[in-house]
Protein backbone atom coordinates (compact mmCIF):
# COMPACT_ATOMS: atom_id res chain seq x y z
CA UNK A 1 -6.51 12.80 -0.53
CA UNK A 2 -7.66 12.26 3.11
CA UNK A 3 -4.79 10.62 5.21
CA UNK A 4 -6.04 12.38 8.47
CA UNK A 5 -5.95 9.96 11.46
CA UNK A 6 -6.63 12.81 14.16
CA UNK A 7 -9.01 11.08 16.79
CA UNK A 8 -8.00 7.55 15.85
CA UNK A 9 -6.55 5.19 18.19
CA UNK A 10 -3.94 2.73 16.73
CA UNK A 11 -2.59 -0.60 18.21
CA UNK A 12 0.67 -1.63 16.31
CA UNK A 13 2.12 -5.15 17.35
CA UNK A 14 5.66 -5.97 17.07
CA UNK A 15 6.64 -2.19 17.44
CA UNK A 16 9.83 -2.47 19.17
CA UNK A 17 11.96 -2.57 15.86
CA UNK A 18 11.57 -2.90 12.00
CA UNK A 19 8.39 -2.49 10.30
CA UNK A 20 6.33 -2.28 13.20
CA UNK A 21 8.38 0.62 14.77
CA UNK A 22 8.19 2.42 11.46
CA UNK A 23 4.50 1.84 11.15
CA UNK A 24 3.89 3.50 14.57
CA UNK A 25 5.96 6.36 13.38
CA UNK A 26 4.08 6.90 10.15
CA UNK A 27 0.54 6.57 11.81
CA UNK A 28 1.68 8.97 14.37
CA UNK A 29 2.66 11.59 11.80
CA UNK A 30 -0.90 11.20 10.51
CA UNK A 31 -2.27 12.23 13.69
CA UNK A 32 -3.33 8.92 15.23
CA UNK A 33 -2.87 8.26 18.93
CA UNK A 34 -0.48 5.21 18.83
CA UNK A 35 -0.33 2.26 21.39
CA UNK A 36 2.86 0.05 20.63
CA UNK A 37 2.92 -3.58 21.66
CA UNK A 38 5.86 -6.29 21.84
CA UNK A 39 7.62 -8.15 24.74
CA UNK A 40 10.22 -5.63 25.79
CA UNK A 41 8.79 -2.91 27.94
CA UNK A 42 12.11 -1.02 28.32
CA UNK A 43 12.16 -0.78 24.74
CA UNK A 44 8.49 0.10 24.22
CA UNK A 45 8.84 2.87 26.67
CA UNK A 46 11.36 4.55 24.44
CA UNK A 47 9.46 3.96 21.32
CA UNK A 48 6.35 5.64 22.62
CA UNK A 49 8.24 8.49 24.14
CA UNK A 50 9.79 9.11 20.87
CA UNK A 51 6.61 9.03 18.55
CA UNK A 52 5.95 12.19 16.79
CA UNK A 53 3.03 14.47 18.01
CA UNK A 54 1.49 16.74 15.33
CA UNK A 55 -1.20 17.82 17.86
CA UNK A 56 -0.80 18.25 21.51
CA UNK A 57 -3.88 16.39 21.83
CA UNK A 58 -2.18 13.09 20.78
CA UNK A 59 -1.47 10.46 23.25
CA UNK A 60 0.94 7.56 22.66
CA UNK A 61 1.07 4.51 25.02
CA UNK A 62 2.77 1.09 25.16
CA UNK A 63 1.89 -2.46 26.19
CA UNK A 64 4.23 -5.25 27.08
CA UNK A 65 2.77 -8.56 26.14
CA UNK A 66 3.83 -11.98 24.67
CA UNK A 67 1.28 -12.67 21.76
CA UNK A 68 1.79 -16.34 22.34
CA UNK A 69 0.16 -16.02 25.91
CA UNK A 70 -3.28 -15.79 24.56
CA UNK A 71 -5.27 -15.57 27.74
CA UNK A 72 -2.90 -13.06 29.17
CA UNK A 73 -2.85 -11.07 26.06
CA UNK A 74 -6.62 -11.26 25.85
CA UNK A 75 -7.09 -9.55 29.47
CA UNK A 76 -4.43 -6.96 28.77
CA UNK A 77 -6.29 -5.94 25.51
CA UNK A 78 -9.62 -5.91 27.43
CA UNK A 79 -8.31 -3.47 29.95
CA UNK A 80 -6.73 -1.26 27.11
CA UNK A 81 -9.80 -0.94 25.09
CA UNK A 82 -12.22 -0.28 28.21
CA UNK A 83 -10.23 2.92 28.41
CA UNK A 84 -9.53 3.80 24.81
CA UNK A 85 -11.23 1.99 21.89
CA UNK A 86 -8.82 0.77 19.22
CA UNK A 87 -9.73 1.99 15.55
CA UNK A 88 -6.44 0.73 13.84
CA UNK A 89 -4.96 -2.89 14.27
CA UNK A 90 -1.50 -3.62 12.69
CA UNK A 91 -0.84 -7.34 13.24
CA UNK A 92 2.85 -7.65 12.98
CA UNK A 93 4.81 -10.46 14.45
CA UNK A 94 8.39 -11.70 13.76
CA UNK A 95 8.63 -14.68 11.45
CA UNK A 96 9.33 -18.28 12.33
CA UNK A 97 13.10 -19.71 12.17
CA UNK A 98 14.43 -20.72 8.57
CA UNK A 99 14.62 -24.23 7.38
CA UNK A 100 12.68 -26.49 4.84
CA UNK A 101 9.29 -27.46 5.39
CA UNK A 102 9.99 -31.40 5.31
CA UNK A 103 12.55 -30.88 8.25
CA UNK A 104 10.48 -28.92 10.62
CA UNK A 105 9.07 -30.56 13.55
CA UNK A 106 5.31 -30.34 14.00
CA UNK A 107 5.93 -28.29 17.06
CA UNK A 108 7.41 -25.63 14.89
CA UNK A 109 4.15 -25.47 13.18
CA UNK A 110 2.09 -25.23 16.21
CA UNK A 111 4.19 -22.45 17.65
CA UNK A 112 3.99 -20.29 14.63
CA UNK A 113 0.23 -20.75 14.18
CA UNK A 114 -0.21 -19.76 17.76
CA UNK A 115 2.15 -16.48 17.61
CA UNK A 116 0.67 -15.54 14.15
CA UNK A 117 -2.86 -16.57 13.17
CA UNK A 118 -4.33 -17.42 16.66
CA UNK A 119 -2.72 -14.19 18.27
CA UNK A 120 -4.08 -12.16 15.41
CA UNK A 121 -7.64 -13.71 16.09
CA UNK A 122 -7.32 -12.72 19.83
CA UNK A 123 -6.36 -9.27 18.95
CA UNK A 124 -9.07 -8.70 16.43
CA UNK A 125 -11.73 -10.16 18.83
CA UNK A 126 -10.58 -7.66 21.57
CA UNK A 127 -10.68 -4.55 19.34
CA UNK A 128 -13.56 -5.32 17.37
CA UNK A 129 -16.41 -4.04 19.80
CA UNK A 130 -14.73 -0.56 19.57
CA UNK A 131 -14.65 -0.52 15.74
CA UNK A 132 -18.07 -1.83 15.30
CA UNK A 133 -19.45 0.88 17.60
CA UNK A 134 -17.57 3.66 15.78
CA UNK A 135 -18.57 2.25 12.53
CA UNK A 136 -14.93 2.34 11.22
CA UNK A 137 -12.12 0.28 11.43
CA UNK A 138 -8.92 -0.76 9.81
CA UNK A 139 -7.02 -3.99 10.08
CA UNK A 140 -3.73 -4.31 8.46
CA UNK A 141 -1.80 -7.58 8.55
CA UNK A 142 1.99 -7.52 7.72
CA UNK A 143 2.59 -10.84 6.25
CA UNK A 144 4.96 -11.70 3.46
CA UNK A 145 5.14 -12.15 -0.24
CA UNK A 146 5.42 -15.97 0.53
CA UNK A 147 1.49 -15.92 0.57
CA UNK A 148 1.92 -15.72 -3.20
CA UNK A 149 5.37 -17.29 -3.89
CA UNK A 150 6.90 -19.49 -1.38
CA UNK A 151 10.40 -18.37 -0.27
CA UNK A 152 12.96 -20.77 -0.45
CA UNK A 153 13.95 -22.27 3.12
CA UNK A 154 11.02 -20.53 4.89
CA UNK A 155 8.99 -23.74 5.05
CA UNK A 156 7.03 -22.88 8.25
CA UNK A 157 6.78 -19.45 7.63
CA UNK A 158 5.44 -20.08 3.97
CA UNK A 159 2.75 -22.42 5.39
CA UNK A 160 1.59 -19.97 8.12
CA UNK A 161 1.62 -16.85 6.32
CA UNK A 162 -0.59 -18.48 3.84
CA UNK A 163 -3.12 -19.42 6.52
CA UNK A 164 -2.83 -15.68 7.67
CA UNK A 165 -3.71 -14.37 4.34
CA UNK A 166 -6.88 -16.63 3.93
CA UNK A 167 -8.02 -15.88 7.37
CA UNK A 168 -7.62 -12.01 6.50
CA UNK A 169 -9.66 -12.52 2.99
CA UNK A 170 -12.44 -14.30 5.20
CA UNK A 171 -12.66 -11.55 7.69
CA UNK A 172 -12.53 -8.82 4.95
CA UNK A 173 -15.88 -10.05 3.61
CA UNK A 174 -17.41 -10.76 7.27
CA UNK A 175 -16.40 -7.18 8.54
CA UNK A 176 -17.12 -4.93 5.65
CA UNK A 177 -20.53 -4.16 6.54
CA UNK A 178 -19.49 -2.98 9.83
CA UNK A 179 -17.22 -0.11 7.92
CA UNK A 180 -14.20 -2.27 8.72
CA UNK A 181 -11.55 -3.06 6.03
CA UNK A 182 -9.05 -5.91 6.19
CA UNK A 183 -5.96 -5.99 4.36
CA UNK A 184 -2.33 -7.54 4.18
CA UNK A 185 0.87 -5.91 3.48
CA UNK A 186 3.56 -8.29 2.04
CA UNK A 187 6.98 -7.08 2.38
CA UNK A 188 9.90 -8.11 0.10
CA UNK A 189 13.40 -8.01 1.21
CA UNK A 190 13.55 -5.30 3.90
CA UNK A 191 16.42 -4.17 5.73
CA UNK A 192 15.32 -5.56 9.31
CA UNK A 193 16.94 -7.75 11.91
CA UNK A 194 14.69 -10.51 10.31
CA UNK A 195 16.45 -10.31 6.94
CA UNK A 196 19.80 -10.03 8.77
CA UNK A 197 18.98 -13.61 10.26
CA UNK A 198 17.92 -14.82 7.04
CA UNK A 199 21.19 -13.66 5.43
CA UNK A 200 23.13 -15.53 8.20
CA UNK A 201 21.00 -18.56 7.77
CA UNK A 202 21.49 -18.81 4.07
CA UNK A 203 25.08 -18.19 4.22
CA UNK A 204 25.57 -20.88 6.77
CA UNK A 205 23.60 -23.46 4.48
CA UNK A 206 25.21 -22.41 1.32
CA UNK A 207 28.63 -22.13 2.41
CA UNK A 208 28.89 -18.53 0.78
CA UNK A 209 29.57 -15.36 2.52
CA UNK A 210 26.68 -13.07 3.60
CA UNK A 211 27.73 -10.48 1.26
CA UNK A 212 27.42 -13.04 -1.74
CA UNK A 213 24.13 -14.10 -0.40
CA UNK A 214 23.16 -10.41 -0.25
CA UNK A 215 24.34 -9.65 -3.66
CA UNK A 216 22.31 -12.41 -5.20
CA UNK A 217 18.96 -11.43 -3.20
CA UNK A 218 19.43 -7.86 -4.37
CA UNK A 219 20.07 -8.90 -7.92
CA UNK A 220 16.50 -10.74 -7.88
CA UNK A 221 14.84 -7.24 -7.22
CA UNK A 222 14.38 -5.18 -10.07
CA UNK A 223 15.08 -1.89 -8.37
CA UNK A 224 18.13 -3.34 -7.06
CA UNK A 225 18.04 -2.87 -3.53
CA UNK A 226 16.32 -3.66 -0.20
CA UNK A 227 13.44 -1.76 0.95
CA UNK A 228 13.79 0.44 4.02
CA UNK A 229 11.25 -0.39 6.81
CA UNK A 230 9.73 3.19 6.23
CA UNK A 231 8.71 2.34 2.63
CA UNK A 232 6.80 -0.79 3.82
CA UNK A 233 5.30 1.23 6.77
CA UNK A 234 4.01 4.00 4.32
CA UNK A 235 1.85 1.32 2.64
CA UNK A 236 0.55 0.14 6.00
CA UNK A 237 -0.24 3.78 7.04
CA UNK A 238 -2.15 4.27 3.81
CA UNK A 239 -4.23 1.34 4.08
CA UNK A 240 -4.99 2.48 7.44
CA UNK A 241 -6.35 6.06 6.20
CA UNK A 242 -9.72 7.37 5.39
CA UNK A 243 -8.30 7.28 1.75
CA UNK A 244 -8.12 3.52 1.61
CA UNK A 245 -11.88 2.97 2.51
CA UNK A 246 -12.74 1.06 -0.64
CA UNK A 247 -9.72 -1.15 -0.62
CA UNK A 248 -10.59 -4.47 1.25
CA UNK A 249 -9.34 -7.80 1.21
CA UNK A 250 -6.20 -7.24 -0.84
CA UNK A 251 -2.60 -8.49 -0.19
CA UNK A 252 -0.35 -5.61 -1.49
CA UNK A 253 3.08 -6.36 -2.30
CA UNK A 254 5.85 -3.98 -1.33
CA UNK A 255 8.70 -5.79 -3.09
CA UNK A 256 10.57 -3.61 -5.64
CA UNK A 257 8.91 -5.90 -8.25
CA UNK A 258 10.55 -9.01 -7.11
CA UNK A 259 7.57 -11.42 -7.50
CA UNK A 260 6.96 -12.64 -11.05
CA UNK A 261 3.42 -13.38 -10.55
């Protein structure tokens, strides 16, 4: 199986922690040069400095950027790809706040749309020329199982994640002739800071302890536990590899079998 990413340059968003950081690590282990992107420069420096190198030729870097600031983001990316084209783009952004869809203000939907779908569009448009020139590209969006089954009390997230999945499916058909695949990874319950926040929110809204909420959540997963971020990252890295060249336009659940669809 060809998993070798030597000579490929990956841009990993939301890489300061959680699934993004784990994905950056896995891509580096496969030989890719990795640039990590998020808002916190001091954290990114540490992440980039500690990414593995299986070859002395590997070069890792970082970009501090706020994905909601689209024009600034576009300028930063244009400067970065002028120096080194990007062959692999991992779109990954922290999810919107918890709450019912009906209770959310319209501004919450607009903010999530800006940070997710529109930011993804800016990122893809910036890296696309390099992928087209190479006739090789991988775009992997870290989304959510909510694109297939809505998650309780994540109304805004359910709505926007679905939009991202439809956008990605459309792109997968448009970009395939250029040798570029577009796929989604749908994490289930994964041990990250996002999950910690969901536990706190559910405990607060239900009056139950976080331990009781956690027990209910894991009981709904056939494998009986949360995923580690590295397990989701392994799926991301596979879809970014040469071995996945004929996988295009799919939404791959990494959820321990929790979804019933």
